[in-house]
Amino acid sequence: MEDKLALVTGASSGIGHELAKELAHRGYDVVVASAGERLGEAAEDIRGSGHQVMEVSVDLATRKRVEQLWEQVQSLGRPVDVV
């Protein structure tokens, strides 16, 4: 993952998915997060852009889960350019 990095929640469908695809097409590597069942399928679709995609299956309804997501993003050792 050498390009810019974006984090998109709700990325398994709808606006979140379209936003993640657009960011990937604009040169971003993308961390996609969702509790949705279609996250894997959505991530594969986004990978078609040729950029790195990291899937995180998480329900962000609690502060603890939000912190867990952020820890996973930080473990990449890269600055996040877009959230």
N, C-alpha and C. Protein backbone atom coordinates (compact mmCIF):
# COMPACT_ATOMS: atom_id res chain seq x y z
N MET A 1 0.84 -1.18 0.00
CA MET A 1 0.00 0.00 0.00
C MET A 1 0.88 1.24 0.00
N GLU A 2 1.19 1.75 -1.17
CA GLU A 2 2.05 2.91 -1.28
C GLU A 2 1.30 4.19 -1.58
N ASP A 3 0.08 4.09 -2.02
CA ASP A 3 -0.69 5.26 -2.40
C ASP A 3 -1.34 5.90 -1.18
N LYS A 4 -2.15 6.88 -1.45
CA LYS A 4 -2.92 7.54 -0.39
C LYS A 4 -3.89 6.52 0.19
N LEU A 5 -4.30 6.75 1.44
CA LEU A 5 -5.16 5.81 2.14
C LEU A 5 -6.47 6.45 2.55
N ALA A 6 -7.56 5.73 2.28
CA ALA A 6 -8.90 6.19 2.66
C ALA A 6 -9.56 5.13 3.53
N LEU A 7 -10.37 5.56 4.48
CA LEU A 7 -11.18 4.68 5.32
C LEU A 7 -12.64 5.01 5.03
N VAL A 8 -13.40 3.98 4.63
CA VAL A 8 -14.81 4.18 4.31
C VAL A 8 -15.64 3.20 5.13
N THR A 9 -16.57 3.73 5.91
CA THR A 9 -17.48 2.87 6.66
C THR A 9 -18.77 2.72 5.87
N GLY A 10 -19.51 1.66 6.18
CA GLY A 10 -20.73 1.40 5.43
C GLY A 10 -20.45 1.05 3.99
N ALA A 11 -19.30 0.43 3.75
CA ALA A 11 -18.81 0.22 2.38
C ALA A 11 -19.34 -1.03 1.70
N SER A 12 -20.22 -1.77 2.35
CA SER A 12 -20.70 -2.99 1.70
C SER A 12 -21.82 -2.73 0.71
N SER A 13 -22.42 -1.53 0.76
CA SER A 13 -23.51 -1.22 -0.18
C SER A 13 -23.76 0.29 -0.21
N GLY A 14 -24.60 0.67 -1.13
CA GLY A 14 -25.08 2.04 -1.19
C GLY A 14 -24.01 3.09 -1.37
N ILE A 15 -24.21 4.23 -0.72
CA ILE A 15 -23.32 5.37 -0.87
C ILE A 15 -21.90 5.03 -0.41
N GLY A 16 -21.77 4.29 0.69
CA GLY A 16 -20.44 3.93 1.18
C GLY A 16 -19.66 3.11 0.16
N HIS A 17 -20.33 2.18 -0.48
CA HIS A 17 -19.67 1.35 -1.49
C HIS A 17 -19.26 2.19 -2.69
N GLU A 18 -20.14 3.04 -3.15
CA GLU A 18 -19.83 3.89 -4.30
C GLU A 18 -18.69 4.86 -3.98
N LEU A 19 -18.69 5.39 -2.76
CA LEU A 19 -17.61 6.29 -2.35
C LEU A 19 -16.27 5.56 -2.32
N ALA A 20 -16.25 4.35 -1.79
CA ALA A 20 -15.02 3.56 -1.75
C ALA A 20 -14.51 3.27 -3.16
N LYS A 21 -15.41 2.91 -4.07
CA LYS A 21 -15.02 2.66 -5.47
C LYS A 21 -14.43 3.91 -6.10
N GLU A 22 -15.07 5.05 -5.88
CA GLU A 22 -14.59 6.30 -6.46
C GLU A 22 -13.21 6.66 -5.92
N LEU A 23 -13.00 6.50 -4.62
CA LEU A 23 -11.69 6.80 -4.04
C LEU A 23 -10.62 5.87 -4.62
N ALA A 24 -10.94 4.61 -4.77
CA ALA A 24 -9.97 3.67 -5.36
C ALA A 24 -9.64 4.08 -6.79
N HIS A 25 -10.63 4.47 -7.54
CA HIS A 25 -10.40 4.92 -8.93
C HIS A 25 -9.58 6.20 -8.98
N ARG A 26 -9.61 6.96 -7.90
CA ARG A 26 -8.82 8.20 -7.84
C ARG A 26 -7.43 7.96 -7.25
N GLY A 27 -7.07 6.70 -7.03
CA GLY A 27 -5.71 6.39 -6.62
C GLY A 27 -5.51 6.08 -5.15
N TYR A 28 -6.56 5.94 -4.39
CA TYR A 28 -6.45 5.63 -2.98
C TYR A 28 -6.45 4.13 -2.74
N ASP A 29 -5.64 3.67 -1.80
CA ASP A 29 -5.85 2.36 -1.20
C ASP A 29 -6.99 2.57 -0.21
N VAL A 30 -7.81 1.55 0.00
CA VAL A 30 -9.03 1.76 0.78
C VAL A 30 -9.18 0.70 1.86
N VAL A 31 -9.49 1.16 3.07
CA VAL A 31 -9.94 0.28 4.14
C VAL A 31 -11.45 0.38 4.12
N VAL A 32 -12.12 -0.74 3.87
CA VAL A 32 -13.58 -0.75 3.83
C VAL A 32 -14.09 -1.45 5.08
N ALA A 33 -15.01 -0.79 5.75
CA ALA A 33 -15.55 -1.32 7.00
C ALA A 33 -17.07 -1.36 6.92
N SER A 34 -17.61 -2.47 7.41
CA SER A 34 -19.06 -2.62 7.42
C SER A 34 -19.42 -3.85 8.23
N ALA A 35 -20.63 -3.85 8.76
CA ALA A 35 -21.16 -5.04 9.41
C ALA A 35 -22.00 -5.83 8.41
N GLY A 36 -22.13 -5.32 7.21
CA GLY A 36 -22.96 -5.94 6.19
C GLY A 36 -22.41 -7.25 5.68
N GLU A 37 -23.31 -8.14 5.31
CA GLU A 37 -22.95 -9.46 4.81
C GLU A 37 -22.24 -9.41 3.46
N ARG A 38 -22.41 -8.32 2.74
CA ARG A 38 -21.86 -8.21 1.39
C ARG A 38 -20.48 -7.55 1.35
N LEU A 39 -19.82 -7.43 2.50
CA LEU A 39 -18.54 -6.73 2.53
C LEU A 39 -17.50 -7.40 1.64
N GLY A 40 -17.38 -8.70 1.67
CA GLY A 40 -16.40 -9.41 0.85
C GLY A 40 -16.63 -9.18 -0.63
N GLU A 41 -17.87 -9.26 -1.04
CA GLU A 41 -18.24 -9.05 -2.44
C GLU A 41 -17.95 -7.60 -2.84
N ALA A 42 -18.27 -6.66 -1.96
CA ALA A 42 -18.01 -5.25 -2.24
C ALA A 42 -16.51 -4.99 -2.35
N ALA A 43 -15.73 -5.59 -1.46
CA ALA A 43 -14.27 -5.41 -1.50
C ALA A 43 -13.69 -5.94 -2.81
N GLU A 44 -14.17 -7.08 -3.27
CA GLU A 44 -13.70 -7.63 -4.55
C GLU A 44 -14.01 -6.68 -5.69
N ASP A 45 -15.19 -6.10 -5.67
CA ASP A 45 -15.57 -5.14 -6.70
C ASP A 45 -14.61 -3.95 -6.70
N ILE A 46 -14.27 -3.45 -5.53
CA ILE A 46 -13.38 -2.29 -5.40
C ILE A 46 -11.96 -2.66 -5.82
N ARG A 47 -11.54 -3.89 -5.56
CA ARG A 47 -10.19 -4.34 -5.95
C ARG A 47 -9.99 -4.28 -7.46
N GLY A 48 -11.05 -4.26 -8.20
CA GLY A 48 -10.96 -4.16 -9.65
C GLY A 48 -10.25 -2.89 -10.12
N SER A 49 -10.12 -1.93 -9.23
CA SER A 49 -9.43 -0.68 -9.57
C SER A 49 -7.92 -0.84 -9.60
N GLY A 50 -7.43 -1.94 -9.05
CA GLY A 50 -5.99 -2.17 -9.01
C GLY A 50 -5.32 -1.66 -7.75
N HIS A 51 -6.08 -1.11 -6.83
CA HIS A 51 -5.51 -0.61 -5.59
C HIS A 51 -5.79 -1.59 -4.45
N GLN A 52 -5.03 -1.45 -3.39
CA GLN A 52 -5.18 -2.33 -2.24
C GLN A 52 -6.49 -2.05 -1.51
N VAL A 53 -7.14 -3.11 -1.06
CA VAL A 53 -8.38 -2.99 -0.30
C VAL A 53 -8.27 -3.89 0.91
N MET A 54 -8.46 -3.33 2.09
CA MET A 54 -8.46 -4.09 3.34
C MET A 54 -9.89 -4.10 3.87
N GLU A 55 -10.41 -5.29 4.11
CA GLU A 55 -11.77 -5.44 4.64
C GLU A 55 -11.73 -5.52 6.15
N VAL A 56 -12.64 -4.81 6.81
CA VAL A 56 -12.80 -4.92 8.25
C VAL A 56 -14.30 -5.09 8.52
N SER A 57 -14.66 -6.28 8.98
CA SER A 57 -16.05 -6.54 9.32
C SER A 57 -16.28 -6.08 10.75
N VAL A 58 -17.06 -5.02 10.91
CA VAL A 58 -17.25 -4.44 12.24
C VAL A 58 -18.57 -3.68 12.30
N ASP A 59 -19.24 -3.80 13.43
CA ASP A 59 -20.45 -3.04 13.72
C ASP A 59 -20.02 -1.85 14.56
N LEU A 60 -20.16 -0.67 14.04
CA LEU A 60 -19.65 0.52 14.71
C LEU A 60 -20.66 1.16 15.67
N ALA A 61 -21.55 0.35 16.20
CA ALA A 61 -22.59 0.86 17.10
C ALA A 61 -22.06 1.19 18.50
N THR A 62 -20.86 0.71 18.83
CA THR A 62 -20.32 1.01 20.15
C THR A 62 -18.94 1.67 20.02
N ARG A 63 -18.60 2.45 21.01
CA ARG A 63 -17.30 3.13 21.02
C ARG A 63 -16.15 2.13 20.95
N LYS A 64 -16.31 1.01 21.65
CA LYS A 64 -15.26 -0.01 21.67
C LYS A 64 -14.97 -0.52 20.25
N ARG A 65 -16.00 -0.76 19.48
CA ARG A 65 -15.82 -1.26 18.11
C ARG A 65 -15.18 -0.20 17.21
N VAL A 66 -15.55 1.05 17.43
CA VAL A 66 -14.93 2.14 16.67
C VAL A 66 -13.43 2.18 16.98
N GLU A 67 -13.09 2.05 18.25
CA GLU A 67 -11.68 2.04 18.65
C GLU A 67 -10.94 0.84 18.05
N GLN A 68 -11.59 -0.32 17.99
CA GLN A 68 -10.97 -1.50 17.38
C GLN A 68 -10.69 -1.26 15.90
N LEU A 69 -11.64 -0.64 15.20
CA LEU A 69 -11.43 -0.33 13.80
C LEU A 69 -10.24 0.61 13.66
N TRP A 70 -10.20 1.66 14.47
CA TRP A 70 -9.12 2.62 14.37
C TRP A 70 -7.76 1.97 14.66
N GLU A 71 -7.70 1.06 15.63
CA GLU A 71 -6.46 0.34 15.92
C GLU A 71 -6.00 -0.47 14.71
N GLN A 72 -6.93 -1.10 14.01
CA GLN A 72 -6.57 -1.87 12.81
C GLN A 72 -6.03 -0.95 11.72
N VAL A 73 -6.63 0.21 11.56
CA VAL A 73 -6.17 1.16 10.56
C VAL A 73 -4.78 1.66 10.94
N GLN A 74 -4.57 1.98 12.21
CA GLN A 74 -3.26 2.46 12.65
C GLN A 74 -2.18 1.40 12.50
N SER A 75 -2.56 0.13 12.60
CA SER A 75 -1.57 -0.95 12.48
C SER A 75 -0.95 -1.00 11.08
N LEU A 76 -1.58 -0.34 10.12
CA LEU A 76 -1.02 -0.28 8.77
C LEU A 76 0.22 0.60 8.73
N GLY A 77 0.37 1.46 9.72
CA GLY A 77 1.54 2.33 9.79
C GLY A 77 1.56 3.41 8.73
N ARG A 78 0.39 3.83 8.31
CA ARG A 78 0.27 4.84 7.25
C ARG A 78 -0.67 5.94 7.71
N PRO A 79 -0.42 7.15 7.24
CA PRO A 79 -1.39 8.21 7.54
C PRO A 79 -2.67 7.98 6.74
N VAL A 80 -3.78 8.37 7.33
CA VAL A 80 -5.06 8.27 6.63
C VAL A 80 -5.35 9.63 6.01
N ASP A 81 -5.58 9.63 4.72
CA ASP A 81 -5.81 10.87 3.98
C ASP A 81 -7.28 11.27 3.92
N VAL A 82 -8.15 10.27 3.90
CA VAL A 82 -9.59 10.53 3.80
C VAL A 82 -10.34 9.56 4.70
N VAL A 83 -11.29 10.08 5.46
CA VAL A 83 -12.16 9.24 6.27
C VAL A 83 -13.60 9.57 5.90
